[in-house]
C-alpha atoms as a PDB file:
ATOM      1  CA  MET A   1      80.513 134.710  98.472  1.00  0.00           C
ATOM      2  CA  ASP A   2      79.520 133.411  95.079  1.00  0.00           C
ATOM      3  CA  ILE A   3      81.605 130.999  93.006  1.00  0.00           C
ATOM      4  CA  VAL A   4      82.480 131.165  89.338  1.00  0.00           C
ATOM      5  CA  TYR A   5      83.976 127.883  88.171  1.00  0.00           C
ATOM      6  CA  ILE A   6      85.793 126.131  85.350  1.00  0.00           C
ATOM      7  CA  ARG A   7      85.616 122.325  85.164  1.00  0.00           C
ATOM      8  CA  GLU A   8      87.930 119.847  83.439  1.00  0.00           C
ATOM      9  CA  LEU A   9      90.037 122.381  81.559  1.00  0.00           C
ATOM     10  CA  GLU A  10      92.619 120.248  79.749  1.00  0.00           C
ATOM     11  CA  VAL A  11      95.955 121.678  78.650  1.00  0.00           C
ATOM     12  CA  GLU A  12      99.030 120.055  77.105  1.00  0.00           C
ATOM     13  CA  THR A  13     102.312 120.854  78.869  1.00  0.00           C
ATOM     14  CA  VAL A  14     105.669 119.496  79.976  1.00  0.00           C
ATOM     15  CA  ILE A  15     105.285 118.140  83.506  1.00  0.00           C
ATOM     16  CA  GLY A  16     107.149 115.489  85.464  1.00  0.00           C
ATOM     17  CA  ILE A  17     110.420 114.452  87.044  1.00  0.00           C
ATOM     18  CA  TYR A  18     111.458 111.619  84.753  1.00  0.00           C
ATOM     19  CA  ASP A  19     113.641 112.150  81.689  1.00  0.00           C
ATOM     20  CA  TRP A  20     110.964 110.840  79.315  1.00  0.00           C
ATOM     21  CA  GLU A  21     108.431 113.262  80.816  1.00  0.00           C
ATOM     22  CA  ARG A  22     110.711 116.179  79.969  1.00  0.00           C
ATOM     23  CA  GLU A  23     110.639 115.182  76.281  1.00  0.00           C
ATOM     24  CA  VAL A  24     106.884 114.847  75.706  1.00  0.00           C
ATOM     25  CA  ARG A  25     103.815 116.959  76.303  1.00  0.00           C
ATOM     26  CA  GLN A  26     101.246 115.531  78.696  1.00  0.00           C
ATOM     27  CA  THR A  27      97.719 116.573  79.535  1.00  0.00           C
ATOM     28  CA  VAL A  28      96.900 118.210  82.827  1.00  0.00           C
ATOM     29  CA  SER A  29      93.320 118.836  83.877  1.00  0.00           C
ATOM     30  CA  LEU A  30      92.070 121.481  86.241  1.00  0.00           C
ATOM     31  CA  ASP A  31      88.918 122.347  88.092  1.00  0.00           C
ATOM     32  CA  LEU A  32      88.910 125.876  89.443  1.00  0.00           C
ATOM     33  CA  GLU A  33      86.411 127.482  91.826  1.00  0.00           C
ATOM     34  CA  MET A  34      86.831 131.235  92.293  1.00  0.00           C
ATOM     35  CA  GLY A  35      85.131 133.251  95.001  1.00  0.00           C
ATOM     36  CA  THR A  36      83.578 136.469  93.772  1.00  0.00           C
ATOM     37  CA  ASP A  37      80.439 138.585  94.036  1.00  0.00           C
ATOM     38  CA  ILE A  38      78.120 138.221  91.022  1.00  0.00           C
ATOM     39  CA  ARG A  39      75.423 140.656  92.132  1.00  0.00           C
ATOM     40  CA  ALA A  40      76.599 143.628  90.029  1.00  0.00           C
ATOM     41  CA  ALA A  41      76.817 141.462  86.915  1.00  0.00           C
ATOM     42  CA  ALA A  42      73.401 139.956  87.583  1.00  0.00           C
ATOM     43  CA  ALA A  43      71.826 143.377  88.086  1.00  0.00           C
ATOM     44  CA  THR A  44      73.366 144.990  84.986  1.00  0.00           C
ATOM     45  CA  GLU A  45      73.939 142.011  82.671  1.00  0.00           C
ATOM     46  CA  ASP A  46      77.257 143.678  81.850  1.00  0.00           C
ATOM     47  CA  ILE A  47      80.231 141.352  81.294  1.00  0.00           C
ATOM     48  CA  ASP A  48      82.542 144.066  82.638  1.00  0.00           C
ATOM     49  CA  ASN A  49      80.902 143.618  86.053  1.00  0.00           C
ATOM     50  CA  THR A  50      81.713 139.939  86.380  1.00  0.00           C
ATOM     51  CA  LEU A  51      84.645 137.589  86.697  1.00  0.00           C
ATOM     52  CA  ASN A  52      84.951 136.508  83.084  1.00  0.00           C
ATOM     53  CA  TYR A  53      85.664 132.769  83.126  1.00  0.00           C
ATOM     54  CA  LYS A  54      86.677 132.816  79.456  1.00  0.00           C
ATOM     55  CA  THR A  55      89.367 135.413  80.149  1.00  0.00           C
ATOM     56  CA  VAL A  56      90.620 133.398  83.132  1.00  0.00           C
ATOM     57  CA  ALA A  57      90.662 130.162  81.092  1.00  0.00           C
ATOM     58  CA  LYS A  58      92.530 131.761  78.179  1.00  0.00           C
ATOM     59  CA  ARG A  59      95.159 133.175  80.558  1.00  0.00           C
ATOM     60  CA  LEU A  60      95.679 129.808  82.243  1.00  0.00           C
ATOM     61  CA  ILE A  61      95.808 127.893  78.945  1.00  0.00           C
ATOM     62  CA  ALA A  62      98.517 130.254  77.686  1.00  0.00           C
ATOM     63  CA  PHE A  63     100.496 129.992  80.925  1.00  0.00           C
ATOM     64  CA  ILE A  64     100.276 126.212  81.324  1.00  0.00           C
ATOM     65  CA  SER A  65     100.957 125.379  77.678  1.00  0.00           C
ATOM     66  CA  GLU A  66     104.110 127.550  77.675  1.00  0.00           C
ATOM     67  CA  SER A  67     105.400 126.299  81.054  1.00  0.00           C
ATOM     68  CA  GLU A  68     107.534 123.379  82.129  1.00  0.00           C
ATOM     69  CA  PHE A  69     107.278 122.080  85.692  1.00  0.00           C
ATOM     70  CA  LEU A  70     108.686 119.126  87.578  1.00  0.00           C
ATOM     71  CA  LEU A  71     105.834 118.921  90.100  1.00  0.00           C
ATOM     72  CA  VAL A  72     102.078 119.472  89.948  1.00  0.00           C
ATOM     73  CA  GLU A  73     102.428 121.172  93.337  1.00  0.00           C
ATOM     74  CA  THR A  74     104.563 123.929  91.827  1.00  0.00           C
ATOM     75  CA  MET A  75     102.212 124.354  88.874  1.00  0.00           C
ATOM     76  CA  ALA A  76      99.219 124.579  91.224  1.00  0.00           C
ATOM     77  CA  GLU A  77     100.862 127.321  93.298  1.00  0.00           C
ATOM     78  CA  GLU A  78     101.744 129.316  90.170  1.00  0.00           C
ATOM     79  CA  ILE A  79      98.194 129.014  88.828  1.00  0.00           C
ATOM     80  CA  ALA A  80      96.751 130.191  92.154  1.00  0.00           C
ATOM     81  CA  GLN A  81      99.098 133.186  92.211  1.00  0.00           C
ATOM     82  CA  ILE A  82      98.117 134.192  88.675  1.00  0.00           C
ATOM     83  CA  VAL A  83      94.400 133.970  89.419  1.00  0.00           C
ATOM     84  CA  GLN A  84      94.593 135.917  92.656  1.00  0.00           C
ATOM     85  CA  THR A  85      97.024 138.535  91.334  1.00  0.00           C
ATOM     86  CA  GLU A  86      95.431 139.228  87.958  1.00  0.00           C
ATOM     87  CA  PHE A  87      91.729 138.805  88.757  1.00  0.00           C
ATOM     88  CA  PRO A  88      89.420 139.951  91.581  1.00  0.00           C
ATOM     89  CA  VAL A  89      89.460 136.578  93.365  1.00  0.00           C
ATOM     90  CA  PRO A  90      89.950 136.633  97.149  1.00  0.00           C
ATOM     91  CA  TRP A  91      89.470 132.841  97.469  1.00  0.00           C
ATOM     92  CA  LEU A  92      89.980 129.864  95.196  1.00  0.00           C
ATOM     93  CA  ARG A  93      89.976 126.094  95.212  1.00  0.00           C
ATOM     94  CA  LEU A  94      92.044 124.397  92.526  1.00  0.00           C
ATOM     95  CA  ARG A  95      92.112 120.726  91.633  1.00  0.00           C
ATOM     96  CA  LEU A  96      95.038 119.991  89.318  1.00  0.00           C
ATOM     97  CA  SER A  97      95.425 116.459  88.012  1.00  0.00           C
ATOM     98  CA  LYS A  98      97.662 114.435  85.763  1.00  0.00           C
ATOM     99  CA  PRO A  99      95.491 111.834  84.012  1.00  0.00           C
ATOM    100  CA  GLY A 100      97.139 108.449  83.503  1.00  0.00           C
ATOM    101  CA  ALA A 101     100.156 109.202  85.705  1.00  0.00           C
ATOM    102  CA  VAL A 102      99.618 106.106  87.851  1.00  0.00           C
ATOM    103  CA  ARG A 103      98.652 102.771  86.349  1.00  0.00           C
ATOM    104  CA  GLY A 104      95.222 101.743  87.551  1.00  0.00           C
ATOM    105  CA  ALA A 105      94.182 105.267  88.571  1.00  0.00           C
ATOM    106  CA  ARG A 106      92.221 107.634  86.346  1.00  0.00           C
ATOM    107  CA  ASP A 107      94.323 110.541  87.568  1.00  0.00           C
ATOM    108  CA  VAL A 108      96.444 111.879  90.415  1.00  0.00           C
ATOM    109  CA  GLY A 109      97.108 115.402  91.568  1.00  0.00           C
ATOM    110  CA  VAL A 110      96.572 118.045  94.215  1.00  0.00           C
ATOM    111  CA  ILE A 111      93.743 120.156  95.575  1.00  0.00           C
ATOM    112  CA  ILE A 112      94.644 123.518  97.089  1.00  0.00           C
ATOM    113  CA  GLU A 113      92.678 126.399  98.585  1.00  0.00           C
ATOM    114  CA  ARG A 114      94.082 129.901  98.797  1.00  0.00           C
ATOM    115  CA  GLY A 115      92.699 133.087 100.280  1.00  0.00           C
ATOM    116  CA  THR A 116      89.776 133.762 102.569  1.00  0.00           C
ATOM    117  CA  ARG A 117      86.201 132.751 101.960  1.00  0.00           C
ATOM    118  CA  ASP A 118      83.905 135.324 103.523  1.00  0.00           C
END
């Protein structure tokens, strides 16, 4: 299986459990690895034969920026469902972080894997 990836995609959203977090937009950052087969795209050089990372990124930016979540865990699950439902991705690894959420740490967050990697 090949991997198409997106690194350090930053999106402003409402995320958090505290009252002040519900009133401001914060940045979340994601790294996404998506299992796919790139051979048809490589052989034809046709964008229609590949997993278009720009299309995936635009869909996730729209979703995240319009959403409001209490937990990064819930956001991560929703992102994974979108990617696997709307795109030909049987396996993914997602790292979703909240920069600056903990004093002294660059970021905190979750890493999830969904699907099968054959």
